[in-house]
Amino acid sequence: MADVRDNIIERIRQRIKTFPAGPGLYFMKGSGDKVLYIGKAKNLRSRAASYFQPGGEITTARGPKISAHERQVIFSRAVK
């Protein structure tokens, strides 16, 4: 299961590289494309990448609510 999660995270990281570096809104979606969280950023690529850094501790950096959303996003992508 860890390999599947790692593969999904790597695909997400590759997709983030295509995001614009300017300001924008981002949506974290779970299963059924249900919106879990809406955020805004001055640099969309940088903000999105901050959620999926290798070895990063998202709970410490962003709090438990964002950490739970990140797990749902990854799980949602795994079952699609």
PDB file of N, CA and C in Angstrom:
ATOM      1  N   MET A   1       0.827  -1.202   0.000  1.00  0.00           N
ATOM      2  CA  MET A   1       0.000   0.000   0.000  1.00  0.00           C
ATOM      3  C   MET A   1       0.868   1.262   0.000  1.00  0.00           C
ATOM      4  N   ALA A   2       2.028   1.176   0.667  1.00  0.00           N
ATOM      5  CA  ALA A   2       2.914   2.348   0.699  1.00  0.00           C
ATOM      6  C   ALA A   2       3.411   2.676  -0.700  1.00  0.00           C
ATOM      7  N   ASP A   3       3.674   1.640  -1.514  1.00  0.00           N
ATOM      8  CA  ASP A   3       4.118   1.881  -2.888  1.00  0.00           C
ATOM      9  C   ASP A   3       3.052   2.599  -3.698  1.00  0.00           C
ATOM     10  N   VAL A   4       1.794   2.224  -3.500  1.00  0.00           N
ATOM     11  CA  VAL A   4       0.691   2.874  -4.210  1.00  0.00           C
ATOM     12  C   VAL A   4       0.607   4.339  -3.789  1.00  0.00           C
ATOM     13  N   ARG A   5       0.701   4.580  -2.481  1.00  0.00           N
ATOM     14  CA  ARG A   5       0.654   5.958  -1.967  1.00  0.00           C
ATOM     15  C   ARG A   5       1.814   6.781  -2.517  1.00  0.00           C
ATOM     16  N   ASP A   6       3.015   6.204  -2.509  1.00  0.00           N
ATOM     17  CA  ASP A   6       4.189   6.912  -3.029  1.00  0.00           C
ATOM     18  C   ASP A   6       4.031   7.235  -4.505  1.00  0.00           C
ATOM     19  N   ASN A   7       3.478   6.295  -5.261  1.00  0.00           N
ATOM     20  CA  ASN A   7       3.252   6.505  -6.689  1.00  0.00           C
ATOM     21  C   ASN A   7       2.258   7.639  -6.911  1.00  0.00           C
ATOM     22  N   ILE A   8       1.205   7.667  -6.133  1.00  0.00           N
ATOM     23  CA  ILE A   8       0.193   8.719  -6.259  1.00  0.00           C
ATOM     24  C   ILE A   8       0.792  10.070  -5.905  1.00  0.00           C
ATOM     25  N   ILE A   9       1.555  10.130  -4.825  1.00  0.00           N
ATOM     26  CA  ILE A   9       2.179  11.390  -4.411  1.00  0.00           C
ATOM     27  C   ILE A   9       3.136  11.884  -5.496  1.00  0.00           C
ATOM     28  N   GLU A  10       3.894  10.970  -6.094  1.00  0.00           N
ATOM     29  CA  GLU A  10       4.823  11.375  -7.155  1.00  0.00           C
ATOM     30  C   GLU A  10       4.059  11.915  -8.370  1.00  0.00           C
ATOM     31  N   ARG A  11       2.946  11.289  -8.722  1.00  0.00           N
ATOM     32  CA  ARG A  11       2.136  11.800  -9.838  1.00  0.00           C
ATOM     33  C   ARG A  11       1.573  13.177  -9.507  1.00  0.00           C
ATOM     34  N   ILE A  12       1.160  13.380  -8.260  1.00  0.00           N
ATOM     35  CA  ILE A  12       0.657  14.686  -7.837  1.00  0.00           C
ATOM     36  C   ILE A  12       1.774  15.725  -7.939  1.00  0.00           C
ATOM     37  N   ARG A  13       2.979  15.375  -7.476  1.00  0.00           N
ATOM     38  CA  ARG A  13       4.113  16.305  -7.552  1.00  0.00           C
ATOM     39  C   ARG A  13       4.423  16.694  -8.990  1.00  0.00           C
ATOM     40  N   GLN A  14       4.362  15.728  -9.902  1.00  0.00           N
ATOM     41  CA  GLN A  14       4.618  16.030 -11.309  1.00  0.00           C
ATOM     42  C   GLN A  14       3.549  16.958 -11.871  1.00  0.00           C
ATOM     43  N   ARG A  15       2.313  16.737 -11.486  1.00  0.00           N
ATOM     44  CA  ARG A  15       1.228  17.602 -11.971  1.00  0.00           C
ATOM     45  C   ARG A  15       1.367  19.017 -11.423  1.00  0.00           C
ATOM     46  N   ILE A  16       1.771  19.147 -10.183  1.00  0.00           N
ATOM     47  CA  ILE A  16       1.949  20.459  -9.556  1.00  0.00           C
ATOM     48  C   ILE A  16       2.975  21.292 -10.315  1.00  0.00           C
ATOM     49  N   LYS A  17       3.974  20.646 -10.891  1.00  0.00           N
ATOM     50  CA  LYS A  17       4.994  21.373 -11.659  1.00  0.00           C
ATOM     51  C   LYS A  17       4.404  22.130 -12.844  1.00  0.00           C
ATOM     52  N   THR A  18       3.199  21.756 -13.274  1.00  0.00           N
ATOM     53  CA  THR A  18       2.551  22.438 -14.400  1.00  0.00           C
ATOM     54  C   THR A  18       1.672  23.609 -13.937  1.00  0.00           C
ATOM     55  N   PHE A  19       1.493  23.769 -12.639  1.00  0.00           N
ATOM     56  CA  PHE A  19       0.654  24.845 -12.114  1.00  0.00           C
ATOM     57  C   PHE A  19       1.317  26.201 -12.366  1.00  0.00           C
ATOM     58  N   PRO A  20       0.518  27.254 -12.504  1.00  0.00           N
ATOM     59  CA  PRO A  20       1.102  28.590 -12.659  1.00  0.00           C
ATOM     60  C   PRO A  20       1.781  29.053 -11.372  1.00  0.00           C
ATOM     61  N   ALA A  21       2.807  29.874 -11.529  1.00  0.00           N
ATOM     62  CA  ALA A  21       3.529  30.401 -10.368  1.00  0.00           C
ATOM     63  C   ALA A  21       2.886  31.672  -9.835  1.00  0.00           C
ATOM     64  N   GLY A  22       1.806  32.111 -10.426  1.00  0.00           N
ATOM     65  CA  GLY A  22       1.109  33.316  -9.994  1.00  0.00           C
ATOM     66  C   GLY A  22       0.043  33.016  -8.950  1.00  0.00           C
ATOM     67  N   PRO A  23      -0.733  34.035  -8.593  1.00  0.00           N
ATOM     68  CA  PRO A  23      -1.774  33.867  -7.576  1.00  0.00           C
ATOM     69  C   PRO A  23      -2.941  33.038  -8.087  1.00  0.00           C
ATOM     70  N   GLY A  24      -3.641  32.422  -7.143  1.00  0.00           N
ATOM     71  CA  GLY A  24      -4.819  31.649  -7.525  1.00  0.00           C
ATOM     72  C   GLY A  24      -5.454  30.943  -6.350  1.00  0.00           C
ATOM     73  N   LEU A  25      -6.550  30.257  -6.654  1.00  0.00           N
ATOM     74  CA  LEU A  25      -7.267  29.445  -5.675  1.00  0.00           C
ATOM     75  C   LEU A  25      -6.962  27.989  -5.950  1.00  0.00           C
ATOM     76  N   TYR A  26      -7.006  27.176  -4.887  1.00  0.00           N
ATOM     77  CA  TYR A  26      -6.843  25.743  -5.066  1.00  0.00           C
ATOM     78  C   TYR A  26      -7.903  25.018  -4.248  1.00  0.00           C
ATOM     79  N   PHE A  27      -8.272  23.857  -4.731  1.00  0.00           N
ATOM     80  CA  PHE A  27      -9.309  23.053  -4.103  1.00  0.00           C
ATOM     81  C   PHE A  27      -8.744  21.677  -3.792  1.00  0.00           C
ATOM     82  N   MET A  28      -8.926  21.214  -2.570  1.00  0.00           N
ATOM     83  CA  MET A  28      -8.612  19.832  -2.229  1.00  0.00           C
ATOM     84  C   MET A  28      -9.928  19.083  -2.329  1.00  0.00           C
ATOM     85  N   LYS A  29      -9.911  18.026  -3.154  1.00  0.00           N
ATOM     86  CA  LYS A  29     -11.132  17.261  -3.372  1.00  0.00           C
ATOM     87  C   LYS A  29     -10.947  15.830  -2.915  1.00  0.00           C
ATOM     88  N   GLY A  30     -11.997  15.262  -2.393  1.00  0.00           N
ATOM     89  CA  GLY A  30     -11.997  13.868  -1.972  1.00  0.00           C
ATOM     90  C   GLY A  30     -12.774  13.026  -2.959  1.00  0.00           C
ATOM     91  N   SER A  31     -13.258  11.896  -2.495  1.00  0.00           N
ATOM     92  CA  SER A  31     -13.994  11.001  -3.369  1.00  0.00           C
ATOM     93  C   SER A  31     -15.248  11.682  -3.890  1.00  0.00           C
ATOM     94  N   GLY A  32     -15.591  11.339  -5.119  1.00  0.00           N
ATOM     95  CA  GLY A  32     -16.749  11.953  -5.751  1.00  0.00           C
ATOM     96  C   GLY A  32     -16.543  13.422  -6.052  1.00  0.00           C
ATOM     97  N   ASP A  33     -15.281  13.853  -6.084  1.00  0.00           N
ATOM     98  CA  ASP A  33     -14.927  15.258  -6.318  1.00  0.00           C
ATOM     99  C   ASP A  33     -15.551  16.214  -5.302  1.00  0.00           C
ATOM    100  N   LYS A  34     -15.843  15.708  -4.106  1.00  0.00           N
ATOM    101  CA  LYS A  34     -16.359  16.553  -3.034  1.00  0.00           C
ATOM    102  C   LYS A  34     -15.253  17.504  -2.580  1.00  0.00           C
ATOM    103  N   VAL A  35     -15.546  18.801  -2.551  1.00  0.00           N
ATOM    104  CA  VAL A  35     -14.561  19.796  -2.131  1.00  0.00           C
ATOM    105  C   VAL A  35     -14.376  19.708  -0.619  1.00  0.00           C
ATOM    106  N   LEU A  36     -13.128  19.446  -0.201  1.00  0.00           N
ATOM    107  CA  LEU A  36     -12.800  19.327   1.217  1.00  0.00           C
ATOM    108  C   LEU A  36     -12.234  20.621   1.777  1.00  0.00           C
ATOM    109  N   TYR A  37     -11.546  21.377   0.914  1.00  0.00           N
ATOM    110  CA  TYR A  37     -10.853  22.580   1.376  1.00  0.00           C
ATOM    111  C   TYR A  37     -10.615  23.503   0.188  1.00  0.00           C
ATOM    112  N   ILE A  38     -10.773  24.789   0.400  1.00  0.00           N
ATOM    113  CA  ILE A  38     -10.473  25.801  -0.616  1.00  0.00           C
ATOM    114  C   ILE A  38      -9.441  26.737  -0.009  1.00  0.00           C
ATOM    115  N   GLY A  39      -8.377  26.985  -0.747  1.00  0.00           N
ATOM    116  CA  GLY A  39      -7.330  27.873  -0.263  1.00  0.00           C
ATOM    117  C   GLY A  39      -6.952  28.881  -1.329  1.00  0.00           C
ATOM    118  N   LYS A  40      -6.209  29.879  -0.922  1.00  0.00           N
ATOM    119  CA  LYS A  40      -5.707  30.861  -1.879  1.00  0.00           C
ATOM    120  C   LYS A  40      -4.216  31.015  -1.660  1.00  0.00           C
ATOM    121  N   ALA A  41      -3.528  31.424  -2.730  1.00  0.00           N
ATOM    122  CA  ALA A  41      -2.078  31.526  -2.639  1.00  0.00           C
ATOM    123  C   ALA A  41      -1.562  32.624  -3.553  1.00  0.00           C
ATOM    124  N   LYS A  42      -0.484  33.254  -3.123  1.00  0.00           N
ATOM    125  CA  LYS A  42       0.196  34.226  -3.980  1.00  0.00           C
ATOM    126  C   LYS A  42       0.974  33.501  -5.068  1.00  0.00           C
ATOM    127  N   ASN A  43       1.479  32.314  -4.757  1.00  0.00           N
ATOM    128  CA  ASN A  43       2.185  31.481  -5.728  1.00  0.00           C
ATOM    129  C   ASN A  43       1.551  30.098  -5.646  1.00  0.00           C
ATOM    130  N   LEU A  44       0.664  29.820  -6.584  1.00  0.00           N
ATOM    131  CA  LEU A  44      -0.125  28.593  -6.548  1.00  0.00           C
ATOM    132  C   LEU A  44       0.754  27.338  -6.587  1.00  0.00           C
ATOM    133  N   ARG A  45       1.772  27.320  -7.456  1.00  0.00           N
ATOM    134  CA  ARG A  45       2.643  26.156  -7.573  1.00  0.00           C
ATOM    135  C   ARG A  45       3.364  25.886  -6.255  1.00  0.00           C
ATOM    136  N   SER A  46       3.892  26.930  -5.650  1.00  0.00           N
ATOM    137  CA  SER A  46       4.626  26.780  -4.403  1.00  0.00           C
ATOM    138  C   SER A  46       3.719  26.293  -3.274  1.00  0.00           C
ATOM    139  N   ARG A  47       2.541  26.863  -3.176  1.00  0.00           N
ATOM    140  CA  ARG A  47       1.618  26.456  -2.102  1.00  0.00           C
ATOM    141  C   ARG A  47       1.184  25.015  -2.266  1.00  0.00           C
ATOM    142  N   ALA A  48       0.797  24.625  -3.475  1.00  0.00           N
ATOM    143  CA  ALA A  48       0.361  23.244  -3.694  1.00  0.00           C
ATOM    144  C   ALA A  48       1.502  22.271  -3.407  1.00  0.00           C
ATOM    145  N   ALA A  49       2.708  22.618  -3.830  1.00  0.00           N
ATOM    146  CA  ALA A  49       3.864  21.747  -3.602  1.00  0.00           C
ATOM    147  C   ALA A  49       4.161  21.587  -2.115  1.00  0.00           C
ATOM    148  N   SER A  50       3.847  22.602  -1.325  1.00  0.00           N
ATOM    149  CA  SER A  50       4.154  22.538   0.107  1.00  0.00           C
ATOM    150  C   SER A  50       3.387  21.420   0.812  1.00  0.00           C
ATOM    151  N   TYR A  51       2.272  20.996   0.252  1.00  0.00           N
ATOM    152  CA  TYR A  51       1.487  19.922   0.859  1.00  0.00           C
ATOM    153  C   TYR A  51       2.065  18.542   0.577  1.00  0.00           C
ATOM    154  N   PHE A  52       2.927  18.431  -0.434  1.00  0.00           N
ATOM    155  CA  PHE A  52       3.402  17.122  -0.858  1.00  0.00           C
ATOM    156  C   PHE A  52       4.924  17.032  -0.897  1.00  0.00           C
ATOM    157  N   GLN A  53       5.606  17.715   0.009  1.00  0.00           N
ATOM    158  CA  GLN A  53       7.066  17.670   0.067  1.00  0.00           C
ATOM    159  C   GLN A  53       7.523  16.342   0.655  1.00  0.00           C
ATOM    160  N   PRO A  54       8.595  15.772   0.079  1.00  0.00           N
ATOM    161  CA  PRO A  54       9.112  14.515   0.651  1.00  0.00           C
ATOM    162  C   PRO A  54       9.618  14.737   2.076  1.00  0.00           C
ATOM    163  N   GLY A  55       9.232  13.850   2.944  1.00  0.00           N
ATOM    164  CA  GLY A  55       9.701  13.929   4.323  1.00  0.00           C
ATOM    165  C   GLY A  55       9.066  15.049   5.137  1.00  0.00           C
ATOM    166  N   GLY A  56       8.154  15.791   4.546  1.00  0.00           N
ATOM    167  CA  GLY A  56       7.502  16.883   5.261  1.00  0.00           C
ATOM    168  C   GLY A  56       6.461  16.368   6.233  1.00  0.00           C
ATOM    169  N   GLU A  57       6.313  17.038   7.312  1.00  0.00           N
ATOM    170  CA  GLU A  57       5.306  16.678   8.311  1.00  0.00           C
ATOM    171  C   GLU A  57       4.177  17.678   8.198  1.00  0.00           C
ATOM    172  N   ILE A  58       3.151  17.314   7.442  1.00  0.00           N
ATOM    173  CA  ILE A  58       2.066  18.247   7.136  1.00  0.00           C
ATOM    174  C   ILE A  58       1.270  18.626   8.381  1.00  0.00           C
ATOM    175  N   THR A  59       1.140  17.721   9.348  1.00  0.00           N
ATOM    176  CA  THR A  59       0.383  18.045  10.561  1.00  0.00           C
ATOM    177  C   THR A  59       1.051  19.183  11.320  1.00  0.00           C
ATOM    178  N   THR A  60       2.369  19.141  11.416  1.00  0.00           N
ATOM    179  CA  THR A  60       3.110  20.197  12.104  1.00  0.00           C
ATOM    180  C   THR A  60       3.057  21.500  11.314  1.00  0.00           C
ATOM    181  N   ALA A  61       3.234  21.390  10.000  1.00  0.00           N
ATOM    182  CA  ALA A  61       3.312  22.586   9.157  1.00  0.00           C
ATOM    183  C   ALA A  61       1.962  23.261   8.955  1.00  0.00           C
ATOM    184  N   ARG A  62       0.907  22.487   8.764  1.00  0.00           N
ATOM    185  CA  ARG A  62      -0.395  23.062   8.405  1.00  0.00           C
ATOM    186  C   ARG A  62      -1.516  22.766   9.386  1.00  0.00           C
ATOM    187  N   GLY A  63      -1.326  21.827  10.292  1.00  0.00           N
ATOM    188  CA  GLY A  63      -2.357  21.504  11.263  1.00  0.00           C
ATOM    189  C   GLY A  63      -3.084  20.217  10.927  1.00  0.00           C
ATOM    190  N   PRO A  64      -3.820  19.675  11.896  1.00  0.00           N
ATOM    191  CA  PRO A  64      -4.460  18.368  11.714  1.00  0.00           C
ATOM    192  C   PRO A  64      -5.576  18.360  10.670  1.00  0.00           C
ATOM    193  N   LYS A  65      -6.273  19.466  10.498  1.00  0.00           N
ATOM    194  CA  LYS A  65      -7.373  19.490   9.521  1.00  0.00           C
ATOM    195  C   LYS A  65      -6.837  19.327   8.105  1.00  0.00           C
ATOM    196  N   ILE A  66      -5.779  20.048   7.768  1.00  0.00           N
ATOM    197  CA  ILE A  66      -5.182  19.938   6.439  1.00  0.00           C
ATOM    198  C   ILE A  66      -4.570  18.558   6.258  1.00  0.00           C
ATOM    199  N   SER A  67      -3.968  18.019   7.295  1.00  0.00           N
ATOM    200  CA  SER A  67      -3.379  16.681   7.225  1.00  0.00           C
ATOM    201  C   SER A  67      -4.450  15.644   6.884  1.00  0.00           C
ATOM    202  N   ALA A  68      -5.606  15.750   7.527  1.00  0.00           N
ATOM    203  CA  ALA A  68      -6.708  14.826   7.237  1.00  0.00           C
ATOM    204  C   ALA A  68      -7.180  14.993   5.799  1.00  0.00           C
ATOM    205  N   HIS A  69      -7.259  16.230   5.309  1.00  0.00           N
ATOM    206  CA  HIS A  69      -7.669  16.476   3.923  1.00  0.00           C
ATOM    207  C   HIS A  69      -6.666  15.862   2.955  1.00  0.00           C
ATOM    208  N   GLU A  70      -5.383  16.024   3.249  1.00  0.00           N
ATOM    209  CA  GLU A  70      -4.346  15.481   2.370  1.00  0.00           C
ATOM    210  C   GLU A  70      -4.489  13.970   2.256  1.00  0.00           C
ATOM    211  N   ARG A  71      -4.747  13.288   3.369  1.00  0.00           N
ATOM    212  CA  ARG A  71      -4.930  11.833   3.335  1.00  0.00           C
ATOM    213  C   ARG A  71      -6.151  11.463   2.502  1.00  0.00           C
ATOM    214  N   GLN A  72      -7.241  12.244   2.626  1.00  0.00           N
ATOM    215  CA  GLN A  72      -8.437  11.958   1.840  1.00  0.00           C
ATOM    216  C   GLN A  72      -8.185  12.174   0.355  1.00  0.00           C
ATOM    217  N   VAL A  73      -7.443  13.212   0.008  1.00  0.00           N
ATOM    218  CA  VAL A  73      -7.118  13.484  -1.392  1.00  0.00           C
ATOM    219  C   VAL A  73      -6.319  12.323  -1.967  1.00  0.00           C
ATOM    220  N   ILE A  74      -5.317  11.861  -1.242  1.00  0.00           N
ATOM    221  CA  ILE A  74      -4.481  10.754  -1.719  1.00  0.00           C
ATOM    222  C   ILE A  74      -5.311   9.486  -1.845  1.00  0.00           C
ATOM    223  N   PHE A  75      -6.139   9.192  -0.846  1.00  0.00           N
ATOM    224  CA  PHE A  75      -6.965   8.004  -0.900  1.00  0.00           C
ATOM    225  C   PHE A  75      -7.937   8.089  -2.063  1.00  0.00           C
ATOM    226  N   SER A  76      -8.524   9.243  -2.256  1.00  0.00           N
ATOM    227  CA  SER A  76      -9.479   9.447  -3.343  1.00  0.00           C
ATOM    228  C   SER A  76      -8.815   9.161  -4.685  1.00  0.00           C
ATOM    229  N   ARG A  77      -7.577   9.633  -4.869  1.00  0.00           N
ATOM    230  CA  ARG A  77      -6.864   9.408  -6.127  1.00  0.00           C
ATOM    231  C   ARG A  77      -6.502   7.940  -6.288  1.00  0.00           C
ATOM    232  N   ALA A  78      -6.282   7.234  -5.164  1.00  0.00           N
ATOM    233  CA  ALA A  78      -5.894   5.822  -5.233  1.00  0.00           C
ATOM    234  C   ALA A  78      -7.053   4.945  -5.709  1.00  0.00           C
ATOM    235  N   VAL A  79      -8.265   5.319  -5.355  1.00  0.00           N
ATOM    236  CA  VAL A  79      -9.415   4.477  -5.712  1.00  0.00           C
ATOM    237  C   VAL A  79      -9.975   4.818  -7.080  1.00  0.00           C
ATOM    238  N   LYS A  80      -9.520   5.881  -7.725  1.00  0.00           N
ATOM    239  CA  LYS A  80     -10.027   6.226  -9.058  1.00  0.00           C
ATOM    240  C   LYS A  80      -9.358   5.408 -10.109  1.00  0.00           C
TER     241      LYS A  80
END
